[in-house]
Amino acid sequence: MAIHEMKIEREALDARARALLDECPDVFRLIARGAAANPEHEAIVYLRTALDPTPAVTTARSFLGLISAAGRWLRENGVGPGDAVSILAPHCTAVSVAYWSAMSFAIVHPLSPVQP
């Protein structure tokens, strides 16, 4: 009986996922869908240090605008589906924008300058 219920639950989750992919066929549209729920909500909170009293906050609306602008720049410079974009930079808000923008329009290859 439990296996049957799990199958029904899996089918329901799969149906929801298919509907979401139909509505949002790329990462940009998925982020835009989430941002529409509360555009002024915090999307990125960047702490410069562990105890940063004034972190850099980017709202969902601003994040979406930054991703859109970076995506336009990528397309204007010939980057498209099938192209790979490597990002080598320390983690910060700008890298998040570059990463999600590139993921929306191309293939992303993040690199970290920090040694493990």
PDB file of N, CA and C in Angstrom:
ATOM      1  N   MET A   1       0.813  -1.194   0.000  1.00  0.00           N
ATOM      2  CA  MET A   1       0.000   0.000   0.000  1.00  0.00           C
ATOM      3  C   MET A   1       0.856   1.258   0.000  1.00  0.00           C
ATOM      4  N   ALA A   2       1.908   1.299   0.795  1.00  0.00           N
ATOM      5  CA  ALA A   2       2.756   2.482   0.862  1.00  0.00           C
ATOM      6  C   ALA A   2       3.441   2.746  -0.479  1.00  0.00           C
ATOM      7  N   ILE A   3       3.818   1.677  -1.180  1.00  0.00           N
ATOM      8  CA  ILE A   3       4.470   1.845  -2.478  1.00  0.00           C
ATOM      9  C   ILE A   3       3.511   2.495  -3.466  1.00  0.00           C
ATOM     10  N   HIS A   4       2.245   2.105  -3.433  1.00  0.00           N
ATOM     11  CA  HIS A   4       1.240   2.691  -4.324  1.00  0.00           C
ATOM     12  C   HIS A   4       1.063   4.182  -4.023  1.00  0.00           C
ATOM     13  N   GLU A   5       1.011   4.533  -2.743  1.00  0.00           N
ATOM     14  CA  GLU A   5       0.875   5.946  -2.378  1.00  0.00           C
ATOM     15  C   GLU A   5       2.093   6.740  -2.829  1.00  0.00           C
ATOM     16  N   MET A   6       3.267   6.165  -2.705  1.00  0.00           N
ATOM     17  CA  MET A   6       4.464   6.862  -3.141  1.00  0.00           C
ATOM     18  C   MET A   6       4.428   7.092  -4.654  1.00  0.00           C
ATOM     19  N   LYS A   7       3.907   6.114  -5.394  1.00  0.00           N
ATOM     20  CA  LYS A   7       3.807   6.264  -6.846  1.00  0.00           C
ATOM     21  C   LYS A   7       2.847   7.409  -7.191  1.00  0.00           C
ATOM     22  N   ILE A   8       1.739   7.508  -6.497  1.00  0.00           N
ATOM     23  CA  ILE A   8       0.770   8.582  -6.735  1.00  0.00           C
ATOM     24  C   ILE A   8       1.403   9.935  -6.392  1.00  0.00           C
ATOM     25  N   GLU A   9       2.109   9.992  -5.262  1.00  0.00           N
ATOM     26  CA  GLU A   9       2.769  11.232  -4.885  1.00  0.00           C
ATOM     27  C   GLU A   9       3.818  11.618  -5.927  1.00  0.00           C
ATOM     28  N   ARG A  10       4.590  10.665  -6.417  1.00  0.00           N
ATOM     29  CA  ARG A  10       5.618  10.921  -7.430  1.00  0.00           C
ATOM     30  C   ARG A  10       4.972  11.428  -8.714  1.00  0.00           C
ATOM     31  N   GLU A  11       3.871  10.821  -9.121  1.00  0.00           N
ATOM     32  CA  GLU A  11       3.180  11.255 -10.335  1.00  0.00           C
ATOM     33  C   GLU A  11       2.664  12.686 -10.187  1.00  0.00           C
ATOM     34  N   ALA A  12       2.158  13.024  -9.010  1.00  0.00           N
ATOM     35  CA  ALA A  12       1.680  14.392  -8.768  1.00  0.00           C
ATOM     36  C   ALA A  12       2.834  15.389  -8.826  1.00  0.00           C
ATOM     37  N   LEU A  13       3.964  15.026  -8.211  1.00  0.00           N
ATOM     38  CA  LEU A  13       5.137  15.897  -8.258  1.00  0.00           C
ATOM     39  C   LEU A  13       5.662  16.040  -9.681  1.00  0.00           C
ATOM     40  N   ASP A  14       5.684  14.942 -10.418  1.00  0.00           N
ATOM     41  CA  ASP A  14       6.131  14.994 -11.811  1.00  0.00           C
ATOM     42  C   ASP A  14       5.220  15.882 -12.648  1.00  0.00           C
ATOM     43  N   ALA A  15       3.922  15.814 -12.410  1.00  0.00           N
ATOM     44  CA  ALA A  15       2.966  16.653 -13.148  1.00  0.00           C
ATOM     45  C   ALA A  15       3.194  18.127 -12.827  1.00  0.00           C
ATOM     46  N   ARG A  16       3.427  18.438 -11.548  1.00  0.00           N
ATOM     47  CA  ARG A  16       3.705  19.832 -11.163  1.00  0.00           C
ATOM     48  C   ARG A  16       4.993  20.328 -11.810  1.00  0.00           C
ATOM     49  N   ALA A  17       6.012  19.463 -11.833  1.00  0.00           N
ATOM     50  CA  ALA A  17       7.289  19.841 -12.438  1.00  0.00           C
ATOM     51  C   ALA A  17       7.128  20.079 -13.941  1.00  0.00           C
ATOM     52  N   ARG A  18       6.370  19.218 -14.627  1.00  0.00           N
ATOM     53  CA  ARG A  18       6.136  19.401 -16.061  1.00  0.00           C
ATOM     54  C   ARG A  18       5.402  20.704 -16.333  1.00  0.00           C
ATOM     55  N   ALA A  19       4.406  21.015 -15.505  1.00  0.00           N
ATOM     56  CA  ALA A  19       3.647  22.261 -15.674  1.00  0.00           C
ATOM     57  C   ALA A  19       4.562  23.471 -15.456  1.00  0.00           C
ATOM     58  N   LEU A  20       5.434  23.399 -14.462  1.00  0.00           N
ATOM     59  CA  LEU A  20       6.360  24.496 -14.199  1.00  0.00           C
ATOM     60  C   LEU A  20       7.347  24.666 -15.350  1.00  0.00           C
ATOM     61  N   LEU A  21       7.844  23.569 -15.898  1.00  0.00           N
ATOM     62  CA  LEU A  21       8.763  23.646 -17.033  1.00  0.00           C
ATOM     63  C   LEU A  21       8.067  24.177 -18.279  1.00  0.00           C
ATOM     64  N   ASP A  22       6.797  23.853 -18.452  1.00  0.00           N
ATOM     65  CA  ASP A  22       6.049  24.411 -19.584  1.00  0.00           C
ATOM     66  C   ASP A  22       5.892  25.917 -19.430  1.00  0.00           C
ATOM     67  N   GLU A  23       5.648  26.358 -18.194  1.00  0.00           N
ATOM     68  CA  GLU A  23       5.468  27.782 -17.914  1.00  0.00           C
ATOM     69  C   GLU A  23       6.803  28.539 -17.952  1.00  0.00           C
ATOM     70  N   CYS A  24       7.859  27.893 -17.493  1.00  0.00           N
ATOM     71  CA  CYS A  24       9.180  28.527 -17.377  1.00  0.00           C
ATOM     72  C   CYS A  24      10.230  27.635 -18.047  1.00  0.00           C
ATOM     73  N   PRO A  25      10.352  27.700 -19.372  1.00  0.00           N
ATOM     74  CA  PRO A  25      11.273  26.793 -20.067  1.00  0.00           C
ATOM     75  C   PRO A  25      12.755  27.133 -19.899  1.00  0.00           C
ATOM     76  N   ASP A  26      13.078  28.263 -19.272  1.00  0.00           N
ATOM     77  CA  ASP A  26      14.485  28.601 -19.038  1.00  0.00           C
ATOM     78  C   ASP A  26      14.636  29.206 -17.645  1.00  0.00           C
ATOM     79  N   VAL A  27      15.882  29.309 -17.203  1.00  0.00           N
ATOM     80  CA  VAL A  27      16.188  29.775 -15.846  1.00  0.00           C
ATOM     81  C   VAL A  27      15.700  31.204 -15.624  1.00  0.00           C
ATOM     82  N   PHE A  28      15.867  32.068 -16.626  1.00  0.00           N
ATOM     83  CA  PHE A  28      15.445  33.458 -16.473  1.00  0.00           C
ATOM     84  C   PHE A  28      13.950  33.543 -16.154  1.00  0.00           C
ATOM     85  N   ARG A  29      13.143  32.800 -16.885  1.00  0.00           N
ATOM     86  CA  ARG A  29      11.690  32.847 -16.642  1.00  0.00           C
ATOM     87  C   ARG A  29      11.327  32.246 -15.290  1.00  0.00           C
ATOM     88  N   LEU A  30      12.089  31.255 -14.853  1.00  0.00           N
ATOM     89  CA  LEU A  30      11.843  30.678 -13.532  1.00  0.00           C
ATOM     90  C   LEU A  30      12.161  31.697 -12.442  1.00  0.00           C
ATOM     91  N   ILE A  31      13.271  32.413 -12.581  1.00  0.00           N
ATOM     92  CA  ILE A  31      13.621  33.458 -11.610  1.00  0.00           C
ATOM     93  C   ILE A  31      12.589  34.575 -11.652  1.00  0.00           C
ATOM     94  N   ALA A  32      12.159  34.953 -12.855  1.00  0.00           N
ATOM     95  CA  ALA A  32      11.150  36.011 -12.993  1.00  0.00           C
ATOM     96  C   ALA A  32       9.852  35.608 -12.318  1.00  0.00           C
ATOM     97  N   ARG A  33       9.478  34.346 -12.434  1.00  0.00           N
ATOM     98  CA  ARG A  33       8.252  33.847 -11.782  1.00  0.00           C
ATOM     99  C   ARG A  33       8.356  33.998 -10.273  1.00  0.00           C
ATOM    100  N   GLY A  34       9.506  33.622  -9.723  1.00  0.00           N
ATOM    101  CA  GLY A  34       9.709  33.751  -8.282  1.00  0.00           C
ATOM    102  C   GLY A  34       9.760  35.205  -7.841  1.00  0.00           C
ATOM    103  N   ALA A  35      10.400  36.057  -8.640  1.00  0.00           N
ATOM    104  CA  ALA A  35      10.519  37.474  -8.301  1.00  0.00           C
ATOM    105  C   ALA A  35       9.159  38.164  -8.319  1.00  0.00           C
ATOM    106  N   ALA A  36       8.260  37.702  -9.174  1.00  0.00           N
ATOM    107  CA  ALA A  36       6.936  38.330  -9.281  1.00  0.00           C
ATOM    108  C   ALA A  36       6.132  38.178  -7.992  1.00  0.00           C
ATOM    109  N   ALA A  37       6.413  37.151  -7.218  1.00  0.00           N
ATOM    110  CA  ALA A  37       5.669  36.916  -5.978  1.00  0.00           C
ATOM    111  C   ALA A  37       5.878  38.049  -4.981  1.00  0.00           C
ATOM    112  N   ASN A  38       7.098  38.588  -4.906  1.00  0.00           N
ATOM    113  CA  ASN A  38       7.396  39.691  -3.997  1.00  0.00           C
ATOM    114  C   ASN A  38       8.638  40.410  -4.514  1.00  0.00           C
ATOM    115  N   PRO A  39       8.475  41.333  -5.468  1.00  0.00           N
ATOM    116  CA  PRO A  39       9.618  41.971  -6.123  1.00  0.00           C
ATOM    117  C   PRO A  39      10.556  42.721  -5.183  1.00  0.00           C
ATOM    118  N   GLU A  40      10.066  43.178  -4.043  1.00  0.00           N
ATOM    119  CA  GLU A  40      10.917  43.939  -3.126  1.00  0.00           C
ATOM    120  C   GLU A  40      11.560  43.067  -2.051  1.00  0.00           C
ATOM    121  N   HIS A  41      11.319  41.766  -2.111  1.00  0.00           N
ATOM    122  CA  HIS A  41      11.924  40.844  -1.145  1.00  0.00           C
ATOM    123  C   HIS A  41      13.413  40.676  -1.451  1.00  0.00           C
ATOM    124  N   GLU A  42      14.181  40.335  -0.431  1.00  0.00           N
ATOM    125  CA  GLU A  42      15.613  40.123  -0.610  1.00  0.00           C
ATOM    126  C   GLU A  42      15.851  38.898  -1.495  1.00  0.00           C
ATOM    127  N   ALA A  43      16.625  39.075  -2.549  1.00  0.00           N
ATOM    128  CA  ALA A  43      16.994  37.952  -3.404  1.00  0.00           C
ATOM    129  C   ALA A  43      18.412  37.495  -3.074  1.00  0.00           C
ATOM    130  N   ILE A  44      19.295  38.456  -2.839  1.00  0.00           N
ATOM    131  CA  ILE A  44      20.683  38.160  -2.479  1.00  0.00           C
ATOM    132  C   ILE A  44      21.060  39.038  -1.292  1.00  0.00           C
ATOM    133  N   VAL A  45      21.624  38.409  -0.282  1.00  0.00           N
ATOM    134  CA  VAL A  45      22.175  39.146   0.855  1.00  0.00           C
ATOM    135  C   VAL A  45      23.640  38.753   0.919  1.00  0.00           C
ATOM    136  N   TYR A  46      24.503  39.702   0.596  1.00  0.00           N
ATOM    137  CA  TYR A  46      25.942  39.443   0.551  1.00  0.00           C
ATOM    138  C   TYR A  46      26.608  39.976   1.806  1.00  0.00           C
ATOM    139  N   LEU A  47      27.177  39.070   2.576  1.00  0.00           N
ATOM    140  CA  LEU A  47      27.905  39.432   3.794  1.00  0.00           C
ATOM    141  C   LEU A  47      29.379  39.561   3.454  1.00  0.00           C
ATOM    142  N   ARG A  48      29.937  40.724   3.697  1.00  0.00           N
ATOM    143  CA  ARG A  48      31.361  40.948   3.423  1.00  0.00           C
ATOM    144  C   ARG A  48      32.223  40.206   4.438  1.00  0.00           C
ATOM    145  N   THR A  49      31.715  40.076   5.645  1.00  0.00           N
ATOM    146  CA  THR A  49      32.345  39.297   6.714  1.00  0.00           C
ATOM    147  C   THR A  49      31.237  38.543   7.428  1.00  0.00           C
ATOM    148  N   ALA A  50      31.609  37.616   8.269  1.00  0.00           N
ATOM    149  CA  ALA A  50      30.607  36.825   8.987  1.00  0.00           C
ATOM    150  C   ALA A  50      29.708  37.678   9.876  1.00  0.00           C
ATOM    151  N   LEU A  51      30.215  38.788  10.377  1.00  0.00           N
ATOM    152  CA  LEU A  51      29.443  39.652  11.268  1.00  0.00           C
ATOM    153  C   LEU A  51      29.118  40.996  10.616  1.00  0.00           C
ATOM    154  N   ASP A  52      29.015  41.039   9.298  1.00  0.00           N
ATOM    155  CA  ASP A  52      28.744  42.275   8.565  1.00  0.00           C
ATOM    156  C   ASP A  52      27.456  42.927   9.066  1.00  0.00           C
ATOM    157  N   PRO A  53      27.543  44.129   9.666  1.00  0.00           N
ATOM    158  CA  PRO A  53      26.346  44.785  10.197  1.00  0.00           C
ATOM    159  C   PRO A  53      25.476  45.408   9.099  1.00  0.00           C
ATOM    160  N   THR A  54      26.041  45.621   7.932  1.00  0.00           N
ATOM    161  CA  THR A  54      25.287  46.232   6.826  1.00  0.00           C
ATOM    162  C   THR A  54      25.553  45.452   5.534  1.00  0.00           C
ATOM    163  N   PRO A  55      24.973  44.269   5.413  1.00  0.00           N
ATOM    164  CA  PRO A  55      25.217  43.482   4.203  1.00  0.00           C
ATOM    165  C   PRO A  55      24.657  44.166   2.962  1.00  0.00           C
ATOM    166  N   ALA A  56      25.219  43.832   1.817  1.00  0.00           N
ATOM    167  CA  ALA A  56      24.715  44.344   0.540  1.00  0.00           C
ATOM    168  C   ALA A  56      23.480  43.519   0.174  1.00  0.00           C
ATOM    169  N   VAL A  57      22.342  44.189   0.054  1.00  0.00           N
ATOM    170  CA  VAL A  57      21.078  43.508  -0.223  1.00  0.00           C
ATOM    171  C   VAL A  57      20.610  43.855  -1.625  1.00  0.00           C
ATOM    172  N   THR A  58      20.252  42.841  -2.384  1.00  0.00           N
ATOM    173  CA  THR A  58      19.709  43.012  -3.728  1.00  0.00           C
ATOM    174  C   THR A  58      18.285  42.463  -3.721  1.00  0.00           C
ATOM    175  N   THR A  59      17.327  43.301  -4.096  1.00  0.00           N
ATOM    176  CA  THR A  59      15.936  42.850  -4.136  1.00  0.00           C
ATOM    177  C   THR A  59      15.714  41.946  -5.342  1.00  0.00           C
ATOM    178  N   ALA A  60      14.613  41.222  -5.310  1.00  0.00           N
ATOM    179  CA  ALA A  60      14.258  40.348  -6.424  1.00  0.00           C
ATOM    180  C   ALA A  60      14.106  41.152  -7.714  1.00  0.00           C
ATOM    181  N   ARG A  61      13.472  42.324  -7.628  1.00  0.00           N
ATOM    182  CA  ARG A  61      13.302  43.177  -8.815  1.00  0.00           C
ATOM    183  C   ARG A  61      14.660  43.605  -9.379  1.00  0.00           C
ATOM    184  N   SER A  62      15.561  44.043  -8.515  1.00  0.00           N
ATOM    185  CA  SER A  62      16.885  44.472  -8.966  1.00  0.00           C
ATOM    186  C   SER A  62      17.676  43.301  -9.528  1.00  0.00           C
ATOM    187  N   PHE A  63      17.602  42.160  -8.876  1.00  0.00           N
ATOM    188  CA  PHE A  63      18.314  40.967  -9.335  1.00  0.00           C
ATOM    189  C   PHE A  63      17.848  40.578 -10.732  1.00  0.00           C
ATOM    190  N   LEU A  64      16.546  40.584 -10.936  1.00  0.00           N
ATOM    191  CA  LEU A  64      15.994  40.252 -12.246  1.00  0.00           C
ATOM    192  C   LEU A  64      16.457  41.260 -13.302  1.00  0.00           C
ATOM    193  N   GLY A  65      16.479  42.539 -12.950  1.00  0.00           N
ATOM    194  CA  GLY A  65      16.957  43.561 -13.876  1.00  0.00           C
ATOM    195  C   GLY A  65      18.426  43.382 -14.215  1.00  0.00           C
ATOM    196  N   LEU A  66      19.234  43.055 -13.214  1.00  0.00           N
ATOM    197  CA  LEU A  66      20.660  42.833 -13.448  1.00  0.00           C
ATOM    198  C   LEU A  66      20.892  41.616 -14.343  1.00  0.00           C
ATOM    199  N   ILE A  67      20.146  40.548 -14.087  1.00  0.00           N
ATOM    200  CA  ILE A  67      20.274  39.341 -14.919  1.00  0.00           C
ATOM    201  C   ILE A  67      19.871  39.655 -16.352  1.00  0.00           C
ATOM    202  N   SER A  68      18.802  40.407 -16.511  1.00  0.00           N
ATOM    203  CA  SER A  68      18.334  40.774 -17.846  1.00  0.00           C
ATOM    204  C   SER A  68      19.385  41.611 -18.582  1.00  0.00           C
ATOM    205  N   ALA A  69      19.945  42.596 -17.905  1.00  0.00           N
ATOM    206  CA  ALA A  69      20.969  43.453 -18.526  1.00  0.00           C
ATOM    207  C   ALA A  69      22.211  42.640 -18.888  1.00  0.00           C
ATOM    208  N   ALA A  70      22.650  41.779 -17.992  1.00  0.00           N
ATOM    209  CA  ALA A  70      23.824  40.950 -18.276  1.00  0.00           C
ATOM    210  C   ALA A  70      23.527  39.988 -19.429  1.00  0.00           C
ATOM    211  N   GLY A  71      22.313  39.471 -19.480  1.00  0.00           N
ATOM    212  CA  GLY A  71      21.922  38.586 -20.578  1.00  0.00           C
ATOM    213  C   GLY A  71      21.937  39.301 -21.920  1.00  0.00           C
ATOM    214  N   ARG A  72      21.449  40.545 -21.930  1.00  0.00           N
ATOM    215  CA  ARG A  72      21.496  41.336 -23.168  1.00  0.00           C
ATOM    216  C   ARG A  72      22.947  41.527 -23.608  1.00  0.00           C
ATOM    217  N   TRP A  73      23.822  41.830 -22.658  1.00  0.00           N
ATOM    218  CA  TRP A  73      25.233  42.025 -22.976  1.00  0.00           C
ATOM    219  C   TRP A  73      25.826  40.739 -23.557  1.00  0.00           C
ATOM    220  N   LEU A  74      25.506  39.593 -22.946  1.00  0.00           N
ATOM    221  CA  LEU A  74      26.011  38.316 -23.454  1.00  0.00           C
ATOM    222  C   LEU A  74      25.548  38.084 -24.890  1.00  0.00           C
ATOM    223  N   ARG A  75      24.249  38.282 -25.141  1.00  0.00           N
ATOM    224  CA  ARG A  75      23.708  38.057 -26.491  1.00  0.00           C
ATOM    225  C   ARG A  75      24.314  39.037 -27.495  1.00  0.00           C
ATOM    226  N   GLU A  76      24.450  40.306 -27.111  1.00  0.00           N
ATOM    227  CA  GLU A  76      25.031  41.314 -28.012  1.00  0.00           C
ATOM    228  C   GLU A  76      26.486  40.997 -28.347  1.00  0.00           C
ATOM    229  N   ASN A  77      27.148  40.239 -27.470  1.00  0.00           N
ATOM    230  CA  ASN A  77      28.532  39.862 -27.699  1.00  0.00           C
ATOM    231  C   ASN A  77      28.670  38.438 -28.235  1.00  0.00           C
ATOM    232  N   GLY A  78      27.567  37.930 -28.792  1.00  0.00           N
ATOM    233  CA  GLY A  78      27.605  36.661 -29.513  1.00  0.00           C
ATOM    234  C   GLY A  78      27.464  35.409 -28.692  1.00  0.00           C
ATOM    235  N   VAL A  79      27.115  35.518 -27.417  1.00  0.00           N
ATOM    236  CA  VAL A  79      26.949  34.329 -26.583  1.00  0.00           C
ATOM    237  C   VAL A  79      25.517  33.836 -26.712  1.00  0.00           C
ATOM    238  N   GLY A  80      25.375  32.545 -26.958  1.00  0.00           N
ATOM    239  CA  GLY A  80      24.040  31.976 -27.106  1.00  0.00           C
ATOM    240  C   GLY A  80      23.998  30.538 -26.650  1.00  0.00           C
ATOM    241  N   PRO A  81      22.866  29.880 -26.869  1.00  0.00           N
ATOM    242  CA  PRO A  81      22.738  28.475 -26.479  1.00  0.00           C
ATOM    243  C   PRO A  81      23.857  27.630 -27.105  1.00  0.00           C
ATOM    244  N   GLY A  82      24.419  26.757 -26.321  1.00  0.00           N
ATOM    245  CA  GLY A  82      25.511  25.926 -26.793  1.00  0.00           C
ATOM    246  C   GLY A  82      26.881  26.512 -26.517  1.00  0.00           C
ATOM    247  N   ASP A  83      26.957  27.830 -26.285  1.00  0.00           N
ATOM    248  CA  ASP A  83      28.224  28.451 -25.915  1.00  0.00           C
ATOM    249  C   ASP A  83      28.469  28.245 -24.430  1.00  0.00           C
ATOM    250  N   ALA A  84      29.736  28.209 -24.047  1.00  0.00           N
ATOM    251  CA  ALA A  84      30.083  28.075 -22.631  1.00  0.00           C
ATOM    252  C   ALA A  84      30.680  29.392 -22.134  1.00  0.00           C
ATOM    253  N   VAL A  85      30.266  29.796 -20.949  1.00  0.00           N
ATOM    254  CA  VAL A  85      30.779  30.999 -20.306  1.00  0.00           C
ATOM    255  C   VAL A  85      31.474  30.560 -19.016  1.00  0.00           C
ATOM    256  N   SER A  86      32.770  30.819 -18.923  1.00  0.00           N
ATOM    257  CA  SER A  86      33.509  30.510 -17.696  1.00  0.00           C
ATOM    258  C   SER A  86      33.562  31.758 -16.843  1.00  0.00           C
ATOM    259  N   ILE A  87      33.368  31.575 -15.555  1.00  0.00           N
ATOM    260  CA  ILE A  87      33.393  32.690 -14.611  1.00  0.00           C
ATOM    261  C   ILE A  87      34.442  32.367 -13.557  1.00  0.00           C
ATOM    262  N   LEU A  88      35.472  33.184 -13.497  1.00  0.00           N
ATOM    263  CA  LEU A  88      36.538  33.020 -12.518  1.00  0.00           C
ATOM    264  C   LEU A  88      36.575  34.282 -11.674  1.00  0.00           C
ATOM    265  N   ALA A  89      36.018  34.197 -10.499  1.00  0.00           N
ATOM    266  CA  ALA A  89      35.955  35.356  -9.612  1.00  0.00           C
ATOM    267  C   ALA A  89      35.588  34.888  -8.211  1.00  0.00           C
ATOM    268  N   PRO A  90      35.968  35.656  -7.200  1.00  0.00           N
ATOM    269  CA  PRO A  90      35.528  35.317  -5.843  1.00  0.00           C
ATOM    270  C   PRO A  90      34.023  35.536  -5.731  1.00  0.00           C
ATOM    271  N   HIS A  91      33.401  34.847  -4.829  1.00  0.00           N
ATOM    272  CA  HIS A  91      31.948  34.952  -4.687  1.00  0.00           C
ATOM    273  C   HIS A  91      31.542  36.329  -4.176  1.00  0.00           C
ATOM    274  N   CYS A  92      30.579  36.933  -4.880  1.00  0.00           N
ATOM    275  CA  CYS A  92      30.011  38.213  -4.499  1.00  0.00           C
ATOM    276  C   CYS A  92      28.721  38.382  -5.302  1.00  0.00           C
ATOM    277  N   THR A  93      28.008  39.459  -5.098  1.00  0.00           N
ATOM    278  CA  THR A  93      26.746  39.680  -5.795  1.00  0.00           C
ATOM    279  C   THR A  93      26.940  39.686  -7.306  1.00  0.00           C
ATOM    280  N   ALA A  94      27.989  40.333  -7.785  1.00  0.00           N
ATOM    281  CA  ALA A  94      28.227  40.404  -9.233  1.00  0.00           C
ATOM    282  C   ALA A  94      28.419  39.019  -9.837  1.00  0.00           C
ATOM    283  N   VAL A  95      29.076  38.132  -9.122  1.00  0.00           N
ATOM    284  CA  VAL A  95      29.266  36.780  -9.628  1.00  0.00           C
ATOM    285  C   VAL A  95      27.931  36.041  -9.684  1.00  0.00           C
ATOM    286  N   SER A  96      27.075  36.266  -8.706  1.00  0.00           N
ATOM    287  CA  SER A  96      25.744  35.651  -8.744  1.00  0.00           C
ATOM    288  C   SER A  96      24.974  36.113  -9.969  1.00  0.00           C
ATOM    289  N   VAL A  97      25.045  37.395 -10.259  1.00  0.00           N
ATOM    290  CA  VAL A  97      24.368  37.939 -11.440  1.00  0.00           C
ATOM    291  C   VAL A  97      24.955  37.314 -12.705  1.00  0.00           C
ATOM    292  N   ALA A  98      26.275  37.275 -12.800  1.00  0.00           N
ATOM    293  CA  ALA A  98      26.925  36.699 -13.980  1.00  0.00           C
ATOM    294  C   ALA A  98      26.554  35.227 -14.141  1.00  0.00           C
ATOM    295  N   TYR A  99      26.557  34.485 -13.049  1.00  0.00           N
ATOM    296  CA  TYR A  99      26.255  33.056 -13.083  1.00  0.00           C
ATOM    297  C   TYR A  99      24.830  32.803 -13.575  1.00  0.00           C
ATOM    298  N   TRP A 100      23.850  33.431 -12.947  1.00  0.00           N
ATOM    299  CA  TRP A 100      22.462  33.179 -13.316  1.00  0.00           C
ATOM    300  C   TRP A 100      22.128  33.740 -14.687  1.00  0.00           C
ATOM    301  N   SER A 101      22.742  34.829 -15.056  1.00  0.00           N
ATOM    302  CA  SER A 101      22.519  35.376 -16.392  1.00  0.00           C
ATOM    303  C   SER A 101      23.074  34.426 -17.449  1.00  0.00           C
ATOM    304  N   ALA A 102      24.306  33.992 -17.264  1.00  0.00           N
ATOM    305  CA  ALA A 102      24.913  33.068 -18.224  1.00  0.00           C
ATOM    306  C   ALA A 102      24.123  31.764 -18.285  1.00  0.00           C
ATOM    307  N   MET A 103      23.646  31.298 -17.127  1.00  0.00           N
ATOM    308  CA  MET A 103      22.861  30.069 -17.111  1.00  0.00           C
ATOM    309  C   MET A 103      21.543  30.242 -17.862  1.00  0.00           C
ATOM    310  N   SER A 104      21.036  31.455 -17.901  1.00  0.00           N
ATOM    311  CA  SER A 104      19.779  31.710 -18.592  1.00  0.00           C
ATOM    312  C   SER A 104      19.940  31.687 -20.105  1.00  0.00           C
ATOM    313  N   PHE A 105      21.147  31.946 -20.595  1.00  0.00           N
ATOM    314  CA  PHE A 105      21.330  32.111 -22.034  1.00  0.00           C
ATOM    315  C   PHE A 105      22.398  31.213 -22.638  1.00  0.00           C
ATOM    316  N   ALA A 106      23.162  30.503 -21.823  1.00  0.00           N
ATOM    317  CA  ALA A 106      24.251  29.687 -22.336  1.00  0.00           C
ATOM    318  C   ALA A 106      24.569  28.587 -21.319  1.00  0.00           C
ATOM    319  N   ILE A 107      25.727  27.994 -21.458  1.00  0.00           N
ATOM    320  CA  ILE A 107      26.224  26.985 -20.524  1.00  0.00           C
ATOM    321  C   ILE A 107      27.211  27.677 -19.597  1.00  0.00           C
ATOM    322  N   VAL A 108      27.128  27.405 -18.304  1.00  0.00           N
ATOM    323  CA  VAL A 108      28.005  28.071 -17.341  1.00  0.00           C
ATOM    324  C   VAL A 108      29.075  27.106 -16.855  1.00  0.00           C
ATOM    325  N   HIS A 109      30.276  27.616 -16.755  1.00  0.00           N
ATOM    326  CA  HIS A 109      31.389  26.843 -16.223  1.00  0.00           C
ATOM    327  C   HIS A 109      32.034  27.666 -15.114  1.00  0.00           C
ATOM    328  N   PRO A 110      31.490  27.565 -13.883  1.00  0.00           N
ATOM    329  CA  PRO A 110      32.067  28.366 -12.798  1.00  0.00           C
ATOM    330  C   PRO A 110      33.413  27.823 -12.348  1.00  0.00           C
ATOM    331  N   LEU A 111      34.326  28.717 -12.124  1.00  0.00           N
ATOM    332  CA  LEU A 111      35.652  28.388 -11.617  1.00  0.00           C
ATOM    333  C   LEU A 111      35.845  29.164 -10.331  1.00  0.00           C
ATOM    334  N   SER A 112      36.564  28.588  -9.401  1.00  0.00           N
ATOM    335  CA  SER A 112      36.801  29.294  -8.141  1.00  0.00           C
ATOM    336  C   SER A 112      38.286  29.577  -7.987  1.00  0.00           C
ATOM    337  N   PRO A 113      38.627  30.855  -7.725  1.00  0.00           N
ATOM    338  CA  PRO A 113      40.043  31.173  -7.513  1.00  0.00           C
ATOM    339  C   PRO A 113      40.532  30.761  -6.135  1.00  0.00           C
ATOM    340  N   VAL A 114      39.629  30.301  -5.285  1.00  0.00           N
ATOM    341  CA  VAL A 114      39.982  29.910  -3.922  1.00  0.00           C
ATOM    342  C   VAL A 114      40.402  28.443  -3.913  1.00  0.00           C
ATOM    343  N   GLN A 115      41.547  28.177  -3.341  1.00  0.00           N
ATOM    344  CA  GLN A 115      42.042  26.801  -3.242  1.00  0.00           C
ATOM    345  C   GLN A 115      41.252  26.067  -2.166  1.00  0.00           C
ATOM    346  N   PRO A 116      40.831  24.824  -2.433  1.00  0.00           N
ATOM    347  CA  PRO A 116      40.096  24.058  -1.409  1.00  0.00           C
ATOM    348  C   PRO A 116      40.971  23.651  -0.254  1.00  0.00           C
TER     349      PRO A 116
END
